[in-house]
Amino acid sequence: MIPNDPVMLLSYVNLKLRDFYKNLDALCEDLDVDRSEVVEKLMGINYHYDEEKNQFV
């Protein structure tokens, strides 16, 4: 289960991307979460996924 709070979600997702996953799609598939839901929630706190950095910035 991933965090519901957007700030906690940001920290969680960026840690997982940095340490375990080559991209957001791999993370979402492995954790069985909806990519668009994660992106929308993080866009709500002005973060977007940067593919080159493999992080939300």
C-alpha atoms as a PDB file:
ATOM      1  CA  MET A   1       0.000   0.000   0.000  1.00  0.00           C
ATOM      2  CA  ILE A   2       1.308   3.430  -0.944  1.00  0.00           C
ATOM      3  CA  PRO A   3       0.864   6.574   1.192  1.00  0.00           C
ATOM      4  CA  ASN A   4      -2.285   8.603   0.632  1.00  0.00           C
ATOM      5  CA  ASP A   5      -0.832  11.941   1.755  1.00  0.00           C
ATOM      6  CA  PRO A   6       0.740  13.667  -1.286  1.00  0.00           C
ATOM      7  CA  VAL A   7       3.925  14.771   0.512  1.00  0.00           C
ATOM      8  CA  MET A   8       4.494  11.313   1.971  1.00  0.00           C
ATOM      9  CA  LEU A   9       3.702   9.808  -1.438  1.00  0.00           C
ATOM     10  CA  LEU A  10       6.335  12.048  -3.050  1.00  0.00           C
ATOM     11  CA  SER A  11       8.998  10.885  -0.625  1.00  0.00           C
ATOM     12  CA  TYR A  12       7.984   7.230  -0.944  1.00  0.00           C
ATOM     13  CA  VAL A  13       7.817   7.200  -4.745  1.00  0.00           C
ATOM     14  CA  ASN A  14      11.091   9.076  -5.244  1.00  0.00           C
ATOM     15  CA  LEU A  15      12.883   6.719  -2.848  1.00  0.00           C
ATOM     16  CA  LYS A  16      11.502   3.666  -4.677  1.00  0.00           C
ATOM     17  CA  LEU A  17      12.395   5.143  -8.078  1.00  0.00           C
ATOM     18  CA  ARG A  18      15.917   5.966  -6.955  1.00  0.00           C
ATOM     19  CA  ASP A  19      16.638   2.632  -5.283  1.00  0.00           C
ATOM     20  CA  PHE A  20      14.548  -0.022  -7.024  1.00  0.00           C
ATOM     21  CA  TYR A  21      12.889   0.937 -10.326  1.00  0.00           C
ATOM     22  CA  LYS A  22      14.161   2.028 -13.732  1.00  0.00           C
ATOM     23  CA  ASN A  23      11.030   4.118 -14.390  1.00  0.00           C
ATOM     24  CA  LEU A  24       7.586   5.066 -13.112  1.00  0.00           C
ATOM     25  CA  ASP A  25       5.834   2.437 -15.214  1.00  0.00           C
ATOM     26  CA  ALA A  26       7.893  -0.361 -13.646  1.00  0.00           C
ATOM     27  CA  LEU A  27       7.110   0.934 -10.157  1.00  0.00           C
ATOM     28  CA  CYS A  28       3.382   1.173 -10.849  1.00  0.00           C
ATOM     29  CA  GLU A  29       3.245  -2.273 -12.418  1.00  0.00           C
ATOM     30  CA  ASP A  30       5.171  -3.911  -9.587  1.00  0.00           C
ATOM     31  CA  LEU A  31       3.192  -2.174  -6.820  1.00  0.00           C
ATOM     32  CA  ASP A  32      -0.104  -2.566  -8.709  1.00  0.00           C
ATOM     33  CA  VAL A  33      -0.960   1.133  -8.551  1.00  0.00           C
ATOM     34  CA  ASP A  34      -2.580   3.373 -11.135  1.00  0.00           C
ATOM     35  CA  ARG A  35       0.077   5.574 -12.763  1.00  0.00           C
ATOM     36  CA  SER A  36      -2.395   8.364 -13.525  1.00  0.00           C
ATOM     37  CA  GLU A  37      -3.531   8.441  -9.885  1.00  0.00           C
ATOM     38  CA  VAL A  38       0.054   8.866  -8.659  1.00  0.00           C
ATOM     39  CA  VAL A  39       0.808  11.531 -11.285  1.00  0.00           C
ATOM     40  CA  GLU A  40      -2.413  13.448 -10.530  1.00  0.00           C
ATOM     41  CA  LYS A  41      -1.868  13.385  -6.793  1.00  0.00           C
ATOM     42  CA  LEU A  42       1.690  14.680  -7.148  1.00  0.00           C
ATOM     43  CA  MET A  43       0.674  17.303  -9.707  1.00  0.00           C
ATOM     44  CA  GLY A  44      -1.630  18.609  -6.964  1.00  0.00           C
ATOM     45  CA  ILE A  45       1.473  19.645  -5.008  1.00  0.00           C
ATOM     46  CA  ASN A  46       3.251  20.937  -8.146  1.00  0.00           C
ATOM     47  CA  TYR A  47       5.509  17.958  -8.857  1.00  0.00           C
ATOM     48  CA  HIS A  48       5.843  16.266 -12.231  1.00  0.00           C
ATOM     49  CA  TYR A  49       7.672  13.133 -13.330  1.00  0.00           C
ATOM     50  CA  ASP A  50      11.014  13.783 -15.018  1.00  0.00           C
ATOM     51  CA  GLU A  51      11.888  10.722 -17.105  1.00  0.00           C
ATOM     52  CA  GLU A  52      15.553  11.661 -17.444  1.00  0.00           C
ATOM     53  CA  LYS A  53      16.020  11.975 -13.697  1.00  0.00           C
ATOM     54  CA  ASN A  54      13.546   9.193 -12.930  1.00  0.00           C
ATOM     55  CA  GLN A  55      12.162  11.345 -10.128  1.00  0.00           C
ATOM     56  CA  PHE A  56       9.283  13.657  -9.382  1.00  0.00           C
ATOM     57  CA  VAL A  57      10.620  17.204  -9.375  1.00  0.00           C
END
